[in-house]
N, C-alpha and C. Protein backbone atom coordinates (compact mmCIF):
# COMPACT_ATOMS: atom_id res chain seq x y z
N MET A 1 112.46 88.82 58.68
CA MET A 1 111.91 88.00 57.62
C MET A 1 110.82 87.10 58.16
N GLY A 2 109.81 86.87 57.37
CA GLY A 2 108.71 86.02 57.76
C GLY A 2 109.09 84.55 57.73
N TYR A 3 108.19 83.73 58.18
CA TYR A 3 108.42 82.30 58.18
C TYR A 3 107.39 81.61 57.30
N VAL A 4 107.70 80.36 56.97
CA VAL A 4 106.79 79.52 56.21
C VAL A 4 106.25 78.48 57.19
N GLU A 5 104.94 78.30 57.19
CA GLU A 5 104.32 77.35 58.11
C GLU A 5 103.77 76.16 57.33
N THR A 6 104.10 74.95 57.78
CA THR A 6 103.59 73.72 57.20
C THR A 6 103.01 72.86 58.32
N ARG A 7 102.08 72.02 57.96
CA ARG A 7 101.47 71.13 58.95
C ARG A 7 102.34 69.89 59.15
N ALA A 8 102.50 69.49 60.39
CA ALA A 8 103.21 68.25 60.72
C ALA A 8 102.16 67.17 60.89
N GLU A 9 102.13 66.21 59.99
CA GLU A 9 101.13 65.15 60.06
C GLU A 9 101.64 64.03 60.96
N THR A 10 101.08 63.98 62.15
CA THR A 10 101.51 62.98 63.11
C THR A 10 100.67 61.71 62.98
N ARG A 11 101.25 60.64 63.48
CA ARG A 11 100.54 59.35 63.57
C ARG A 11 100.66 58.87 65.01
N PHE A 12 99.79 58.00 65.38
CA PHE A 12 99.83 57.46 66.74
C PHE A 12 101.20 56.83 67.02
N SER A 13 101.79 56.20 66.01
CA SER A 13 103.09 55.53 66.20
C SER A 13 104.24 56.52 66.42
N ASP A 14 104.01 57.80 66.20
CA ASP A 14 105.04 58.81 66.47
C ASP A 14 105.22 59.05 67.97
N PHE A 15 104.28 58.55 68.76
CA PHE A 15 104.29 58.79 70.19
C PHE A 15 104.71 57.53 70.93
N GLY A 16 105.48 57.72 71.98
CA GLY A 16 105.97 56.60 72.77
C GLY A 16 104.96 56.14 73.80
N PRO A 17 105.32 55.10 74.57
CA PRO A 17 104.40 54.55 75.56
C PRO A 17 104.02 55.55 76.66
N GLY A 18 104.85 56.55 76.87
CA GLY A 18 104.54 57.57 77.87
C GLY A 18 103.59 58.63 77.36
N GLY A 19 103.19 58.54 76.07
CA GLY A 19 102.25 59.49 75.50
C GLY A 19 102.88 60.78 74.99
N GLU A 20 104.21 60.76 74.78
CA GLU A 20 104.88 61.96 74.27
C GLU A 20 105.55 61.64 72.94
N LEU A 21 105.61 62.63 72.09
CA LEU A 21 106.22 62.49 70.77
C LEU A 21 107.67 62.05 70.90
N HIS A 22 108.07 61.07 70.09
CA HIS A 22 109.47 60.64 70.08
C HIS A 22 110.30 61.74 69.41
N PHE A 23 111.40 62.10 70.04
CA PHE A 23 112.20 63.24 69.58
C PHE A 23 112.65 63.11 68.13
N SER A 24 112.89 61.90 67.64
CA SER A 24 113.40 61.73 66.28
C SER A 24 112.38 62.11 65.22
N ARG A 25 111.10 62.09 65.55
CA ARG A 25 110.05 62.42 64.58
C ARG A 25 110.13 63.88 64.14
N CYS A 26 110.63 64.74 65.02
CA CYS A 26 110.74 66.16 64.67
C CYS A 26 111.58 66.36 63.42
N LEU A 27 112.64 65.57 63.29
CA LEU A 27 113.51 65.71 62.12
C LEU A 27 112.77 65.40 60.83
N MET A 28 111.86 64.44 60.87
CA MET A 28 111.06 64.13 59.67
C MET A 28 110.10 65.26 59.34
N TYR A 29 109.49 65.85 60.37
CA TYR A 29 108.59 66.98 60.13
C TYR A 29 109.36 68.16 59.53
N PHE A 30 110.57 68.40 60.05
CA PHE A 30 111.40 69.49 59.54
C PHE A 30 111.81 69.23 58.10
N GLU A 31 112.15 67.99 57.77
CA GLU A 31 112.53 67.65 56.40
C GLU A 31 111.38 67.90 55.44
N LYS A 32 110.19 67.48 55.82
CA LYS A 32 109.01 67.70 54.97
C LYS A 32 108.79 69.19 54.74
N ALA A 33 108.99 69.99 55.77
CA ALA A 33 108.82 71.45 55.64
C ALA A 33 109.86 72.03 54.67
N ARG A 34 111.11 71.58 54.77
CA ARG A 34 112.14 72.09 53.86
C ARG A 34 111.81 71.71 52.42
N PHE A 35 111.30 70.52 52.20
CA PHE A 35 110.91 70.09 50.86
C PHE A 35 109.77 70.97 50.33
N ALA A 36 108.78 71.26 51.18
CA ALA A 36 107.66 72.11 50.78
C ALA A 36 108.14 73.51 50.40
N ILE A 37 109.11 74.03 51.14
CA ILE A 37 109.67 75.35 50.83
C ILE A 37 110.37 75.32 49.48
N SER A 38 111.15 74.28 49.22
CA SER A 38 111.86 74.21 47.94
C SER A 38 110.88 74.13 46.77
N MET A 39 109.78 73.41 46.94
CA MET A 39 108.77 73.34 45.89
C MET A 39 108.08 74.69 45.71
N ASP A 40 107.74 75.34 46.81
CA ASP A 40 107.07 76.63 46.76
C ASP A 40 107.96 77.70 46.12
N ALA A 41 109.27 77.59 46.34
CA ALA A 41 110.22 78.56 45.77
C ALA A 41 110.47 78.32 44.29
N GLY A 42 110.06 77.16 43.76
CA GLY A 42 110.33 76.82 42.37
C GLY A 42 111.73 76.28 42.15
N LEU A 43 112.33 75.78 43.21
CA LEU A 43 113.72 75.32 43.13
C LEU A 43 113.88 74.11 42.22
N LYS A 44 112.88 73.23 42.18
CA LYS A 44 112.97 72.03 41.34
C LYS A 44 113.20 72.39 39.87
N GLU A 45 112.44 73.36 39.39
CA GLU A 45 112.56 73.77 37.99
C GLU A 45 113.91 74.44 37.72
N VAL A 46 114.35 75.29 38.65
CA VAL A 46 115.62 75.99 38.47
C VAL A 46 116.78 75.00 38.48
N LEU A 47 116.73 74.00 39.35
CA LEU A 47 117.79 72.99 39.38
C LEU A 47 117.82 72.19 38.09
N ALA A 48 116.65 71.87 37.54
CA ALA A 48 116.59 71.13 36.27
C ALA A 48 117.21 71.95 35.13
N GLU A 49 116.99 73.27 35.15
CA GLU A 49 117.59 74.13 34.13
C GLU A 49 119.09 74.30 34.33
N SER A 50 119.51 74.43 35.57
CA SER A 50 120.91 74.68 35.88
C SER A 50 121.78 73.45 35.72
N TYR A 51 121.21 72.28 35.99
CA TYR A 51 121.99 71.03 35.95
C TYR A 51 121.21 69.98 35.16
N PRO A 52 121.03 70.20 33.84
CA PRO A 52 120.19 69.30 33.04
C PRO A 52 120.72 67.86 33.05
N GLY A 53 119.80 66.93 33.32
CA GLY A 53 120.14 65.51 33.30
C GLY A 53 120.93 65.01 34.49
N ARG A 54 121.15 65.85 35.47
CA ARG A 54 121.93 65.44 36.65
C ARG A 54 121.05 65.48 37.89
N ALA A 55 121.24 64.53 38.75
CA ALA A 55 120.49 64.49 40.00
C ALA A 55 121.13 65.45 41.00
N VAL A 56 120.29 66.23 41.64
CA VAL A 56 120.74 67.18 42.66
C VAL A 56 119.99 66.86 43.94
N SER A 57 120.70 66.77 45.03
CA SER A 57 120.04 66.56 46.32
C SER A 57 120.66 67.49 47.35
N PHE A 58 119.89 67.74 48.37
CA PHE A 58 120.37 68.56 49.49
C PHE A 58 120.48 67.65 50.70
N VAL A 59 121.69 67.50 51.19
CA VAL A 59 121.95 66.60 52.32
C VAL A 59 122.13 67.43 53.59
N VAL A 60 121.64 66.88 54.69
CA VAL A 60 121.79 67.55 55.98
C VAL A 60 123.23 67.36 56.45
N ILE A 61 123.89 68.47 56.74
CA ILE A 61 125.27 68.39 57.21
C ILE A 61 125.41 68.78 58.68
N ARG A 62 124.39 69.43 59.23
CA ARG A 62 124.45 69.80 60.65
C ARG A 62 123.04 70.02 61.17
N VAL A 63 122.80 69.49 62.37
CA VAL A 63 121.52 69.69 63.05
C VAL A 63 121.82 70.13 64.48
N ASN A 64 121.16 71.19 64.89
CA ASN A 64 121.26 71.65 66.27
C ASN A 64 119.84 71.79 66.78
N ASN A 65 119.37 70.79 67.54
CA ASN A 65 118.01 70.78 68.08
C ASN A 65 118.02 71.18 69.54
N HIS A 66 116.99 71.91 69.91
CA HIS A 66 116.78 72.23 71.33
C HIS A 66 115.34 71.83 71.65
N TYR A 67 115.21 70.80 72.49
CA TYR A 67 113.89 70.33 72.89
C TYR A 67 113.43 71.14 74.10
N VAL A 68 112.48 72.03 73.87
CA VAL A 68 112.05 73.00 74.87
C VAL A 68 111.09 72.36 75.87
N ARG A 69 110.12 71.60 75.36
CA ARG A 69 109.14 70.95 76.22
C ARG A 69 108.55 69.75 75.47
N PRO A 70 108.04 68.76 76.19
CA PRO A 70 107.51 67.56 75.53
C PRO A 70 106.23 67.84 74.76
N VAL A 71 106.03 67.06 73.70
CA VAL A 71 104.81 67.16 72.89
C VAL A 71 103.87 66.05 73.34
N PRO A 72 102.73 66.38 73.94
CA PRO A 72 101.82 65.35 74.44
C PRO A 72 101.00 64.70 73.32
N LEU A 73 100.46 63.55 73.61
CA LEU A 73 99.69 62.75 72.66
C LEU A 73 98.49 63.49 72.09
N GLN A 74 98.01 64.51 72.74
CA GLN A 74 96.83 65.24 72.24
C GLN A 74 97.06 65.78 70.84
N TYR A 75 98.30 65.84 70.36
CA TYR A 75 98.57 66.37 69.02
C TYR A 75 98.58 65.27 67.96
N ASP A 76 98.13 64.07 68.29
CA ASP A 76 98.01 62.99 67.33
C ASP A 76 96.90 63.34 66.33
N SER A 77 96.90 62.68 65.19
CA SER A 77 95.87 62.78 64.15
C SER A 77 96.02 64.00 63.24
N GLY A 78 97.17 64.60 63.17
CA GLY A 78 97.44 65.65 62.20
C GLY A 78 96.70 66.94 62.48
N GLY A 79 97.24 68.01 61.96
CA GLY A 79 96.61 69.31 62.10
C GLY A 79 96.91 70.01 63.40
N GLY A 80 97.36 69.27 64.39
CA GLY A 80 97.61 69.86 65.68
C GLY A 80 99.00 70.44 65.83
N LEU A 81 99.93 70.02 64.98
CA LEU A 81 101.31 70.52 65.04
C LEU A 81 101.66 71.22 63.74
N VAL A 82 102.42 72.29 63.85
CA VAL A 82 102.90 73.00 62.67
C VAL A 82 104.40 73.24 62.80
N VAL A 83 105.06 73.28 61.65
CA VAL A 83 106.48 73.61 61.59
C VAL A 83 106.58 75.01 61.02
N ARG A 84 107.30 75.86 61.72
CA ARG A 84 107.58 77.22 61.22
C ARG A 84 109.04 77.25 60.83
N SER A 85 109.30 77.62 59.58
CA SER A 85 110.65 77.58 59.03
C SER A 85 111.05 78.92 58.46
N LYS A 86 112.31 79.26 58.66
CA LYS A 86 112.92 80.43 58.03
C LYS A 86 114.12 79.95 57.24
N LEU A 87 114.18 80.33 55.99
CA LEU A 87 115.34 80.07 55.15
C LEU A 87 116.29 81.23 55.35
N LEU A 88 117.50 80.91 55.80
CA LEU A 88 118.47 81.94 56.12
C LEU A 88 119.40 82.21 54.95
N ALA A 89 119.84 83.44 54.78
CA ALA A 89 120.81 83.82 53.75
C ALA A 89 122.14 84.06 54.45
N PRO A 90 123.25 84.01 53.77
CA PRO A 90 123.47 83.82 52.34
C PRO A 90 123.48 82.34 51.97
N PHE A 91 123.51 82.09 50.68
CA PHE A 91 123.41 80.73 50.16
C PHE A 91 124.72 80.24 49.57
N THR A 92 125.82 80.62 50.14
CA THR A 92 127.12 80.21 49.61
C THR A 92 127.52 78.86 50.20
N GLY A 93 127.35 77.83 49.43
CA GLY A 93 127.79 76.50 49.85
C GLY A 93 126.80 75.72 50.67
N LYS A 94 125.83 76.37 51.27
CA LYS A 94 124.84 75.62 52.04
C LYS A 94 123.56 76.42 52.17
N LEU A 95 122.49 75.71 52.48
CA LEU A 95 121.21 76.34 52.81
C LEU A 95 120.96 76.08 54.27
N SER A 96 120.70 77.12 55.01
CA SER A 96 120.47 77.00 56.45
C SER A 96 119.04 77.41 56.78
N PHE A 97 118.47 76.69 57.72
CA PHE A 97 117.10 76.91 58.14
C PHE A 97 117.03 77.02 59.65
N GLU A 98 116.17 77.91 60.13
CA GLU A 98 115.73 77.90 61.52
C GLU A 98 114.33 77.32 61.48
N GLN A 99 114.10 76.27 62.27
CA GLN A 99 112.80 75.61 62.25
C GLN A 99 112.32 75.40 63.68
N GLU A 100 111.00 75.48 63.84
CA GLU A 100 110.38 75.29 65.15
C GLU A 100 109.13 74.44 65.00
N LEU A 101 108.88 73.61 65.98
CA LEU A 101 107.67 72.79 66.02
C LEU A 101 106.74 73.39 67.07
N TRP A 102 105.54 73.78 66.62
CA TRP A 102 104.56 74.44 67.48
C TRP A 102 103.27 73.63 67.51
N GLY A 103 102.49 73.83 68.55
CA GLY A 103 101.11 73.37 68.56
C GLY A 103 100.27 74.42 67.85
N ALA A 104 99.33 73.99 67.01
CA ALA A 104 98.48 74.93 66.29
C ALA A 104 97.73 75.80 67.30
N GLY A 105 97.85 77.09 67.18
CA GLY A 105 97.18 78.01 68.08
C GLY A 105 97.82 78.12 69.46
N ASP A 106 98.93 77.44 69.66
CA ASP A 106 99.61 77.44 70.96
C ASP A 106 100.35 78.76 71.15
N MET A 107 100.17 79.37 72.30
CA MET A 107 100.83 80.64 72.59
C MET A 107 101.97 80.48 73.59
N GLU A 108 102.21 79.24 74.07
CA GLU A 108 103.25 79.02 75.08
C GLU A 108 104.65 79.02 74.51
N GLY A 109 104.78 78.93 73.21
CA GLY A 109 106.09 78.85 72.58
C GLY A 109 106.29 77.49 71.95
N PRO A 110 107.37 77.35 71.21
CA PRO A 110 107.59 76.10 70.47
C PRO A 110 107.95 74.94 71.39
N PHE A 111 107.67 73.74 70.88
CA PHE A 111 108.11 72.52 71.56
C PHE A 111 109.58 72.26 71.27
N VAL A 112 109.97 72.50 70.01
CA VAL A 112 111.33 72.21 69.56
C VAL A 112 111.81 73.37 68.70
N LYS A 113 113.07 73.75 68.88
CA LYS A 113 113.73 74.74 68.03
C LYS A 113 114.94 74.04 67.39
N ALA A 114 115.21 74.36 66.13
CA ALA A 114 116.34 73.73 65.46
C ALA A 114 117.00 74.69 64.48
N ARG A 115 118.27 74.49 64.29
CA ARG A 115 119.03 75.12 63.20
C ARG A 115 119.56 73.96 62.38
N ILE A 116 119.20 73.93 61.10
CA ILE A 116 119.58 72.82 60.23
C ILE A 116 120.29 73.38 59.01
N ASP A 117 121.49 72.87 58.75
CA ASP A 117 122.27 73.25 57.58
C ASP A 117 122.25 72.10 56.58
N THR A 118 122.00 72.45 55.32
CA THR A 118 122.04 71.47 54.24
C THR A 118 123.04 71.93 53.20
N ALA A 119 123.56 70.97 52.44
CA ALA A 119 124.50 71.30 51.37
C ALA A 119 124.05 70.59 50.10
N MET A 120 124.38 71.19 48.97
CA MET A 120 123.98 70.64 47.68
C MET A 120 124.98 69.58 47.23
N LEU A 121 124.44 68.44 46.82
CA LEU A 121 125.24 67.34 46.30
C LEU A 121 124.84 67.14 44.85
N LEU A 122 125.78 67.25 43.95
CA LEU A 122 125.53 67.15 42.52
C LEU A 122 126.05 65.81 42.00
N GLU A 123 125.16 65.06 41.37
CA GLU A 123 125.52 63.76 40.83
C GLU A 123 126.73 63.88 39.90
N GLY A 124 127.71 63.03 40.11
CA GLY A 124 128.89 63.01 39.27
C GLY A 124 129.99 63.94 39.72
N ALA A 125 129.69 64.88 40.60
CA ALA A 125 130.71 65.82 41.06
C ALA A 125 131.55 65.21 42.18
N GLY A 126 130.97 64.31 42.94
CA GLY A 126 131.70 63.65 44.01
C GLY A 126 131.90 64.47 45.26
N LEU A 127 131.53 65.73 45.22
CA LEU A 127 131.71 66.61 46.37
C LEU A 127 130.47 67.47 46.56
N LEU A 128 130.39 68.09 47.70
CA LEU A 128 129.34 69.08 47.90
C LEU A 128 129.62 70.25 46.97
N THR A 129 128.58 70.81 46.39
CA THR A 129 128.72 71.82 45.35
C THR A 129 128.08 73.13 45.76
N ARG A 130 128.72 74.22 45.40
CA ARG A 130 128.13 75.54 45.63
C ARG A 130 127.02 75.74 44.59
N PRO A 131 125.83 76.18 45.03
CA PRO A 131 124.75 76.44 44.07
C PRO A 131 125.17 77.52 43.07
N ASP A 132 124.74 77.36 41.82
CA ASP A 132 125.09 78.36 40.81
C ASP A 132 124.23 79.61 41.00
N ASP A 133 124.51 80.63 40.21
CA ASP A 133 123.85 81.93 40.38
C ASP A 133 122.34 81.87 40.19
N ARG A 134 121.86 81.00 39.27
CA ARG A 134 120.41 80.90 39.06
C ARG A 134 119.71 80.37 40.30
N VAL A 135 120.33 79.39 40.95
CA VAL A 135 119.75 78.83 42.17
C VAL A 135 119.74 79.89 43.27
N ILE A 136 120.83 80.59 43.41
CA ILE A 136 120.91 81.64 44.43
C ILE A 136 119.88 82.73 44.17
N ARG A 137 119.73 83.16 42.91
CA ARG A 137 118.72 84.18 42.58
C ARG A 137 117.30 83.68 42.89
N CYS A 138 117.03 82.40 42.64
CA CYS A 138 115.72 81.82 42.93
C CYS A 138 115.43 81.91 44.43
N LEU A 139 116.41 81.57 45.25
CA LEU A 139 116.23 81.59 46.70
C LEU A 139 116.11 83.03 47.22
N GLU A 140 116.91 83.93 46.67
CA GLU A 140 116.80 85.33 47.07
C GLU A 140 115.45 85.92 46.70
N ALA A 141 114.95 85.57 45.51
CA ALA A 141 113.63 86.05 45.09
C ALA A 141 112.53 85.50 46.00
N TYR A 142 112.68 84.25 46.42
CA TYR A 142 111.70 83.66 47.33
C TYR A 142 111.69 84.39 48.67
N GLN A 143 112.87 84.66 49.19
CA GLN A 143 112.94 85.40 50.45
C GLN A 143 112.33 86.79 50.30
N GLU A 144 112.56 87.42 49.16
CA GLU A 144 112.00 88.75 48.93
C GLU A 144 110.47 88.68 48.87
N ARG A 145 109.93 87.62 48.24
CA ARG A 145 108.47 87.46 48.19
C ARG A 145 107.89 87.28 49.59
N LEU A 146 108.63 86.60 50.45
CA LEU A 146 108.15 86.42 51.83
C LEU A 146 108.17 87.74 52.59
N GLY A 147 109.23 88.53 52.35
CA GLY A 147 109.36 89.81 53.04
C GLY A 147 109.21 89.63 54.53
N GLN A 148 108.42 90.46 55.13
CA GLN A 148 108.18 90.39 56.57
C GLN A 148 106.95 89.55 56.90
N GLY A 149 106.24 89.10 55.88
CA GLY A 149 105.01 88.33 56.11
C GLY A 149 105.30 86.86 56.32
N ASN A 150 104.25 86.12 56.62
CA ASN A 150 104.35 84.69 56.82
C ASN A 150 103.55 84.00 55.72
N ARG A 151 103.93 82.77 55.44
CA ARG A 151 103.27 82.00 54.37
C ARG A 151 102.87 80.65 54.95
N VAL A 152 101.66 80.22 54.66
CA VAL A 152 101.18 78.92 55.12
C VAL A 152 101.06 78.00 53.92
N LEU A 153 101.75 76.86 53.99
CA LEU A 153 101.68 75.84 52.94
C LEU A 153 100.94 74.63 53.51
N THR A 154 100.10 74.03 52.72
CA THR A 154 99.37 72.86 53.23
C THR A 154 99.93 71.58 52.67
């Protein structure tokens, strides 16, 4: 399956005094990428139809990060870092992603690799909720559209 690529917009304050990206910033870049994927898949509209008048959120329930190599300050000012994300199936009870932080045009490999699991939280239910069939069909259709190709979101 292909991946979805989004730009990680860095700021000077994302980097520490040693000139390397602070490890916690990667999680924010990954979150932004997951949000972009959900918008691109049309998930917002499907959730509104499936759960009218109720707030739905996806909460992170597990993060497994592997910091492969440091990200130097040269990637400041945006455009220099990209997040590559794969939405993994099946979608029973959680959405799982494989995400990587790369330098744009970098051939050395990713700086960071992560596996992030999220779960759906439905307002008023009090518990994590399994996505209904419409949500699952939306995500399956999105994966099918990606096929073996890659998609770049700005």
